[in-house]
């Protein structure tokens, strides 16, 4: 689990319109939590990301994503991943992600990430 991955999924879960910041904190030597300023936090267990809201995000063998709250994802035009809640994302330069809602999610090293309006 990367902090950027947690931030990107948190953006999808919250509708993608409000800026926030995420930071990874070690719980134990084997377990970390990512806390985000939008009220979500997440841990990873066996490749599954579990948010404290109860939503679980799983990467499927075919590369797809499964959200336990029913959000679905599919590839759209122009390398955009389209989510059923209206948010679309695509990877841009530097491994960052741009959303259809005008947000840019980017890593701040290994333990930080932010999603903010892309000016």
N, C-alpha and C. Protein backbone atom coordinates (compact mmCIF):
# COMPACT_ATOMS: atom_id res chain seq x y z
N UNK A 1 0.86 -1.18 0.00
CA UNK A 1 0.00 0.00 0.00
C UNK A 1 0.89 1.23 0.00
N UNK A 2 0.65 2.11 -0.92
CA UNK A 2 1.36 3.39 -0.89
C UNK A 2 0.41 4.48 -0.40
N UNK A 3 0.98 5.52 0.15
CA UNK A 3 0.17 6.64 0.64
C UNK A 3 -0.61 7.27 -0.53
N UNK A 4 0.02 7.36 -1.69
CA UNK A 4 -0.67 7.92 -2.85
C UNK A 4 -1.86 7.07 -3.25
N UNK A 5 -1.71 5.75 -3.20
CA UNK A 5 -2.82 4.85 -3.52
C UNK A 5 -3.99 5.07 -2.57
N UNK A 6 -3.71 5.17 -1.27
CA UNK A 6 -4.76 5.44 -0.28
C UNK A 6 -5.43 6.77 -0.57
N UNK A 7 -4.64 7.80 -0.91
CA UNK A 7 -5.19 9.12 -1.19
C UNK A 7 -6.09 9.10 -2.43
N UNK A 8 -5.65 8.42 -3.47
CA UNK A 8 -6.44 8.35 -4.71
C UNK A 8 -7.79 7.67 -4.46
N UNK A 9 -7.78 6.57 -3.75
CA UNK A 9 -9.05 5.89 -3.45
C UNK A 9 -9.91 6.73 -2.50
N UNK A 10 -9.28 7.44 -1.56
CA UNK A 10 -10.02 8.34 -0.67
C UNK A 10 -10.68 9.45 -1.47
N UNK A 11 -10.00 9.93 -2.51
CA UNK A 11 -10.58 10.95 -3.38
C UNK A 11 -11.83 10.40 -4.05
N UNK A 12 -11.74 9.19 -4.56
CA UNK A 12 -12.90 8.56 -5.20
C UNK A 12 -14.03 8.39 -4.19
N UNK A 13 -13.71 7.90 -3.01
CA UNK A 13 -14.73 7.65 -1.99
C UNK A 13 -15.46 8.91 -1.55
N UNK A 14 -14.78 10.06 -1.57
CA UNK A 14 -15.39 11.31 -1.10
C UNK A 14 -15.94 12.17 -2.22
N UNK A 15 -15.87 11.71 -3.46
CA UNK A 15 -16.45 12.46 -4.57
C UNK A 15 -15.49 13.39 -5.28
N UNK A 16 -14.28 13.53 -4.77
CA UNK A 16 -13.22 14.22 -5.50
C UNK A 16 -13.28 15.72 -5.61
N UNK A 17 -13.88 16.43 -4.67
CA UNK A 17 -14.00 17.89 -4.82
C UNK A 17 -13.28 18.69 -3.75
N UNK A 18 -12.86 18.05 -2.66
CA UNK A 18 -12.25 18.77 -1.55
C UNK A 18 -10.80 18.35 -1.37
N UNK A 19 -9.91 19.33 -1.20
CA UNK A 19 -8.49 19.06 -1.00
C UNK A 19 -8.24 18.42 0.37
N UNK A 20 -7.23 17.54 0.42
CA UNK A 20 -6.84 16.91 1.68
C UNK A 20 -5.41 16.42 1.60
N UNK A 21 -4.88 16.02 2.73
CA UNK A 21 -3.49 15.58 2.87
C UNK A 21 -3.50 14.24 3.62
N UNK A 22 -2.62 13.32 3.25
CA UNK A 22 -2.52 12.02 3.93
C UNK A 22 -1.08 11.79 4.38
N UNK A 23 -0.94 11.11 5.51
CA UNK A 23 0.38 10.78 6.03
C UNK A 23 0.37 9.40 6.65
N UNK A 24 1.41 8.62 6.34
CA UNK A 24 1.55 7.28 6.90
C UNK A 24 2.22 7.33 8.26
N UNK A 25 1.65 6.57 9.19
CA UNK A 25 2.20 6.46 10.54
C UNK A 25 2.33 4.99 10.88
N UNK A 26 3.43 4.63 11.51
CA UNK A 26 3.66 3.23 11.88
C UNK A 26 2.87 2.89 13.14
N UNK A 27 2.09 1.83 13.08
CA UNK A 27 1.41 1.32 14.27
C UNK A 27 2.32 0.34 14.98
N UNK A 28 2.87 -0.58 14.21
CA UNK A 28 3.84 -1.56 14.70
C UNK A 28 4.89 -1.72 13.60
N UNK A 29 5.88 -2.55 13.83
CA UNK A 29 6.90 -2.78 12.81
C UNK A 29 6.32 -3.38 11.55
N UNK A 30 5.23 -4.13 11.66
CA UNK A 30 4.61 -4.78 10.51
C UNK A 30 3.39 -4.06 9.97
N UNK A 31 2.89 -3.07 10.68
CA UNK A 31 1.61 -2.48 10.30
C UNK A 31 1.66 -0.95 10.37
N UNK A 32 1.13 -0.33 9.34
CA UNK A 32 1.06 1.12 9.28
C UNK A 32 -0.37 1.55 9.01
N UNK A 33 -0.67 2.79 9.37
CA UNK A 33 -1.96 3.39 9.06
C UNK A 33 -1.69 4.67 8.29
N UNK A 34 -2.56 4.96 7.33
CA UNK A 34 -2.50 6.22 6.61
C UNK A 34 -3.69 7.05 7.07
N UNK A 35 -3.39 8.20 7.67
CA UNK A 35 -4.42 9.12 8.13
C UNK A 35 -4.54 10.28 7.15
N UNK A 36 -5.78 10.60 6.76
CA UNK A 36 -6.03 11.69 5.84
C UNK A 36 -6.85 12.78 6.52
N UNK A 37 -6.61 14.03 6.14
CA UNK A 37 -7.31 15.15 6.76
C UNK A 37 -8.77 15.26 6.32
N UNK A 38 -9.21 14.41 5.40
CA UNK A 38 -10.62 14.40 5.01
C UNK A 38 -11.44 13.46 5.90
N UNK A 39 -10.81 12.96 6.97
CA UNK A 39 -11.52 12.11 7.93
C UNK A 39 -11.36 10.63 7.70
N UNK A 40 -10.73 10.22 6.60
CA UNK A 40 -10.54 8.80 6.34
C UNK A 40 -9.15 8.35 6.77
N UNK A 41 -9.07 7.12 7.21
CA UNK A 41 -7.77 6.49 7.45
C UNK A 41 -7.86 5.06 6.96
N UNK A 42 -6.69 4.48 6.66
CA UNK A 42 -6.70 3.14 6.05
C UNK A 42 -5.50 2.34 6.51
N UNK A 43 -5.71 1.03 6.53
CA UNK A 43 -4.63 0.07 6.77
C UNK A 43 -4.70 -0.95 5.64
N UNK A 44 -3.63 -1.73 5.52
CA UNK A 44 -3.60 -2.78 4.50
C UNK A 44 -3.42 -4.12 5.18
N UNK A 45 -4.22 -5.09 4.75
CA UNK A 45 -4.10 -6.46 5.23
C UNK A 45 -4.20 -7.39 4.03
N UNK A 46 -3.16 -8.16 3.79
CA UNK A 46 -3.14 -9.14 2.71
C UNK A 46 -3.49 -8.54 1.36
N UNK A 47 -2.94 -7.34 1.07
CA UNK A 47 -3.17 -6.69 -0.21
C UNK A 47 -4.50 -5.98 -0.34
N UNK A 48 -5.28 -5.93 0.72
CA UNK A 48 -6.58 -5.28 0.71
C UNK A 48 -6.49 -4.01 1.55
N UNK A 49 -6.98 -2.90 1.02
CA UNK A 49 -6.97 -1.64 1.75
C UNK A 49 -8.30 -1.50 2.47
N UNK A 50 -8.21 -1.33 3.79
CA UNK A 50 -9.41 -1.21 4.64
C UNK A 50 -9.48 0.20 5.21
N UNK A 51 -10.53 0.92 4.85
CA UNK A 51 -10.75 2.27 5.39
C UNK A 51 -11.54 2.16 6.68
N UNK A 52 -11.32 3.11 7.58
CA UNK A 52 -12.03 3.08 8.86
C UNK A 52 -13.53 3.31 8.69
N UNK A 53 -13.95 3.75 7.52
CA UNK A 53 -15.38 3.92 7.23
C UNK A 53 -16.06 2.59 6.97
N UNK A 54 -15.25 1.51 6.86
CA UNK A 54 -15.78 0.19 6.58
C UNK A 54 -15.62 -0.24 5.13
N UNK A 55 -15.25 0.69 4.26
CA UNK A 55 -15.07 0.35 2.84
C UNK A 55 -13.74 -0.38 2.65
N UNK A 56 -13.80 -1.44 1.85
CA UNK A 56 -12.62 -2.23 1.53
C UNK A 56 -12.38 -2.11 0.02
N UNK A 57 -11.12 -1.83 -0.36
CA UNK A 57 -10.76 -1.72 -1.77
C UNK A 57 -9.78 -2.86 -2.08
N UNK A 58 -10.13 -3.65 -3.09
CA UNK A 58 -9.33 -4.80 -3.49
C UNK A 58 -8.93 -4.66 -4.95
N UNK A 59 -7.67 -4.95 -5.24
CA UNK A 59 -7.22 -5.02 -6.63
C UNK A 59 -7.47 -6.43 -7.12
N UNK A 60 -8.20 -6.55 -8.21
CA UNK A 60 -8.56 -7.86 -8.75
C UNK A 60 -7.44 -8.41 -9.63
N UNK A 61 -7.39 -9.72 -9.85
CA UNK A 61 -6.34 -10.32 -10.69
C UNK A 61 -6.27 -9.73 -12.10
N UNK A 62 -7.40 -9.26 -12.64
CA UNK A 62 -7.40 -8.70 -14.00
C UNK A 62 -6.99 -7.23 -14.03
N UNK A 63 -6.60 -6.68 -12.86
CA UNK A 63 -6.19 -5.29 -12.79
C UNK A 63 -7.30 -4.34 -12.39
N UNK A 64 -8.51 -4.84 -12.31
CA UNK A 64 -9.65 -4.01 -11.92
C UNK A 64 -9.65 -3.74 -10.42
N UNK A 65 -10.60 -2.92 -10.01
CA UNK A 65 -10.75 -2.57 -8.60
C UNK A 65 -12.13 -2.98 -8.12
N UNK A 66 -12.19 -3.41 -6.88
CA UNK A 66 -13.47 -3.73 -6.24
C UNK A 66 -13.61 -2.90 -4.98
N UNK A 67 -14.68 -2.10 -4.91
CA UNK A 67 -15.00 -1.31 -3.72
C UNK A 67 -16.18 -2.00 -3.02
N UNK A 68 -16.05 -2.27 -1.75
CA UNK A 68 -17.10 -2.99 -1.03
C UNK A 68 -18.40 -2.19 -0.90
N UNK A 69 -18.35 -0.88 -1.14
CA UNK A 69 -19.57 -0.07 -1.05
C UNK A 69 -20.33 -0.01 -2.36
N UNK A 70 -19.87 -0.77 -3.37
CA UNK A 70 -20.58 -0.86 -4.64
C UNK A 70 -20.05 0.01 -5.75
N UNK A 71 -19.11 0.91 -5.47
CA UNK A 71 -18.52 1.71 -6.54
C UNK A 71 -17.81 0.76 -7.50
N UNK A 72 -18.05 0.96 -8.79
CA UNK A 72 -17.39 0.15 -9.80
C UNK A 72 -16.48 1.03 -10.63
N UNK A 73 -15.53 0.41 -11.33
CA UNK A 73 -14.58 1.14 -12.16
C UNK A 73 -14.44 0.44 -13.50
N UNK A 74 -14.24 1.23 -14.55
CA UNK A 74 -13.94 0.68 -15.86
C UNK A 74 -13.07 1.66 -16.64
N UNK A 75 -12.33 1.11 -17.62
CA UNK A 75 -11.49 1.95 -18.46
C UNK A 75 -12.35 2.73 -19.42
N UNK A 76 -12.10 4.04 -19.47
CA UNK A 76 -12.81 4.89 -20.41
C UNK A 76 -11.87 5.38 -21.50
N UNK A 77 -12.29 6.38 -22.22
CA UNK A 77 -11.48 6.94 -23.30
C UNK A 77 -10.29 7.72 -22.74
N UNK A 78 -9.20 7.76 -23.50
CA UNK A 78 -8.05 8.56 -23.14
C UNK A 78 -7.34 8.14 -21.88
N UNK A 79 -7.35 6.86 -21.57
CA UNK A 79 -6.68 6.30 -20.38
C UNK A 79 -7.28 6.76 -19.06
N UNK A 80 -8.52 7.19 -19.06
CA UNK A 80 -9.21 7.56 -17.83
C UNK A 80 -9.86 6.31 -17.23
N UNK A 81 -9.75 6.15 -15.93
CA UNK A 81 -10.52 5.13 -15.22
C UNK A 81 -11.76 5.83 -14.70
N UNK A 82 -12.91 5.34 -15.11
CA UNK A 82 -14.18 5.97 -14.74
C UNK A 82 -14.84 5.17 -13.63
N UNK A 83 -15.23 5.88 -12.57
CA UNK A 83 -15.88 5.26 -11.42
C UNK A 83 -17.37 5.56 -11.48
N UNK A 84 -18.17 4.66 -10.94
CA UNK A 84 -19.62 4.77 -11.04
C UNK A 84 -20.20 5.95 -10.25
N UNK A 85 -19.40 6.59 -9.39
CA UNK A 85 -19.89 7.75 -8.65
C UNK A 85 -19.58 9.06 -9.38
N UNK A 86 -19.10 8.98 -10.63
CA UNK A 86 -18.88 10.18 -11.42
C UNK A 86 -17.45 10.69 -11.44
N UNK A 87 -16.57 10.16 -10.63
CA UNK A 87 -15.17 10.57 -10.62
C UNK A 87 -14.40 9.75 -11.65
N UNK A 88 -13.52 10.42 -12.40
CA UNK A 88 -12.62 9.74 -13.33
C UNK A 88 -11.20 10.14 -12.97
N UNK A 89 -10.26 9.22 -13.15
CA UNK A 89 -8.84 9.46 -12.84
C UNK A 89 -7.97 8.96 -13.97
N UNK A 90 -6.81 9.61 -14.13
CA UNK A 90 -5.79 9.09 -15.03
C UNK A 90 -4.42 9.44 -14.47
N UNK A 91 -3.47 8.57 -14.78
CA UNK A 91 -2.09 8.79 -14.34
C UNK A 91 -1.46 9.84 -15.25
N UNK A 92 -0.71 10.76 -14.63
CA UNK A 92 -0.02 11.81 -15.37
C UNK A 92 1.47 11.76 -15.03
N UNK A 93 2.22 12.70 -15.55
CA UNK A 93 3.67 12.74 -15.35
C UNK A 93 4.05 12.62 -13.89
N UNK A 94 5.13 11.91 -13.64
CA UNK A 94 5.63 11.76 -12.28
C UNK A 94 4.90 10.73 -11.46
N UNK A 95 3.98 9.97 -12.09
CA UNK A 95 3.23 8.96 -11.35
C UNK A 95 2.08 9.52 -10.55
N UNK A 96 1.74 10.78 -10.76
CA UNK A 96 0.63 11.43 -10.07
C UNK A 96 -0.68 11.10 -10.77
N UNK A 97 -1.79 11.53 -10.17
CA UNK A 97 -3.11 11.26 -10.73
C UNK A 97 -3.92 12.54 -10.82
N UNK A 98 -4.55 12.74 -11.97
CA UNK A 98 -5.44 13.88 -12.20
C UNK A 98 -6.87 13.36 -12.23
N UNK A 99 -7.78 14.12 -11.62
CA UNK A 99 -9.19 13.70 -11.61
C UNK A 99 -10.02 14.59 -12.50
N UNK A 100 -11.16 14.07 -12.89
CA UNK A 100 -12.11 14.82 -13.70
C UNK A 100 -12.73 15.97 -12.92
N UNK A 101 -12.54 15.97 -11.62
CA UNK A 101 -13.09 17.02 -10.76
C UNK A 101 -12.12 18.18 -10.56
N UNK A 102 -10.98 18.15 -11.28
CA UNK A 102 -10.01 19.23 -11.19
C UNK A 102 -8.97 19.07 -10.11
N UNK A 103 -8.89 17.90 -9.53
CA UNK A 103 -7.93 17.65 -8.45
C UNK A 103 -6.70 16.93 -9.00
N UNK A 104 -5.56 17.16 -8.35
CA UNK A 104 -4.31 16.48 -8.65
C UNK A 104 -3.85 15.80 -7.37
N UNK A 105 -3.63 14.50 -7.42
CA UNK A 105 -3.10 13.75 -6.27
C UNK A 105 -1.64 13.46 -6.55
N UNK A 106 -0.78 13.82 -5.61
CA UNK A 106 0.64 13.60 -5.80
C UNK A 106 1.31 13.18 -4.50
N UNK A 107 2.34 12.35 -4.66
CA UNK A 107 3.10 11.87 -3.51
C UNK A 107 4.04 12.96 -3.03
N UNK A 108 4.26 12.96 -1.73
CA UNK A 108 5.24 13.85 -1.11
C UNK A 108 6.27 12.99 -0.42
N UNK A 109 7.02 12.25 -1.20
CA UNK A 109 7.96 11.28 -0.63
C UNK A 109 7.25 9.96 -0.40
N UNK A 110 7.80 9.15 0.49
CA UNK A 110 7.27 7.80 0.74
C UNK A 110 6.12 7.78 1.75
N UNK A 111 5.97 8.80 2.58
CA UNK A 111 4.98 8.74 3.67
C UNK A 111 3.92 9.83 3.61
N UNK A 112 3.89 10.62 2.55
CA UNK A 112 2.91 11.70 2.45
C UNK A 112 2.33 11.76 1.05
N UNK A 113 1.10 12.25 0.95
CA UNK A 113 0.45 12.49 -0.34
C UNK A 113 -0.59 13.56 -0.13
N UNK A 114 -0.92 14.27 -1.21
CA UNK A 114 -1.97 15.27 -1.12
C UNK A 114 -2.80 15.24 -2.39
N UNK A 115 -4.04 15.64 -2.25
CA UNK A 115 -4.94 15.83 -3.38
C UNK A 115 -5.45 17.26 -3.27
N UNK A 116 -5.21 18.04 -4.30
CA UNK A 116 -5.52 19.46 -4.26
C UNK A 116 -5.96 19.95 -5.64
N UNK A 117 -6.58 21.12 -5.67
CA UNK A 117 -6.99 21.68 -6.95
C UNK A 117 -5.77 21.89 -7.81
N UNK A 118 -5.87 21.45 -9.06
CA UNK A 118 -4.77 21.59 -10.01
C UNK A 118 -4.91 22.94 -10.70
N UNK A 119 -4.09 23.89 -10.28
CA UNK A 119 -4.19 25.26 -10.83
C UNK A 119 -3.55 25.40 -12.17
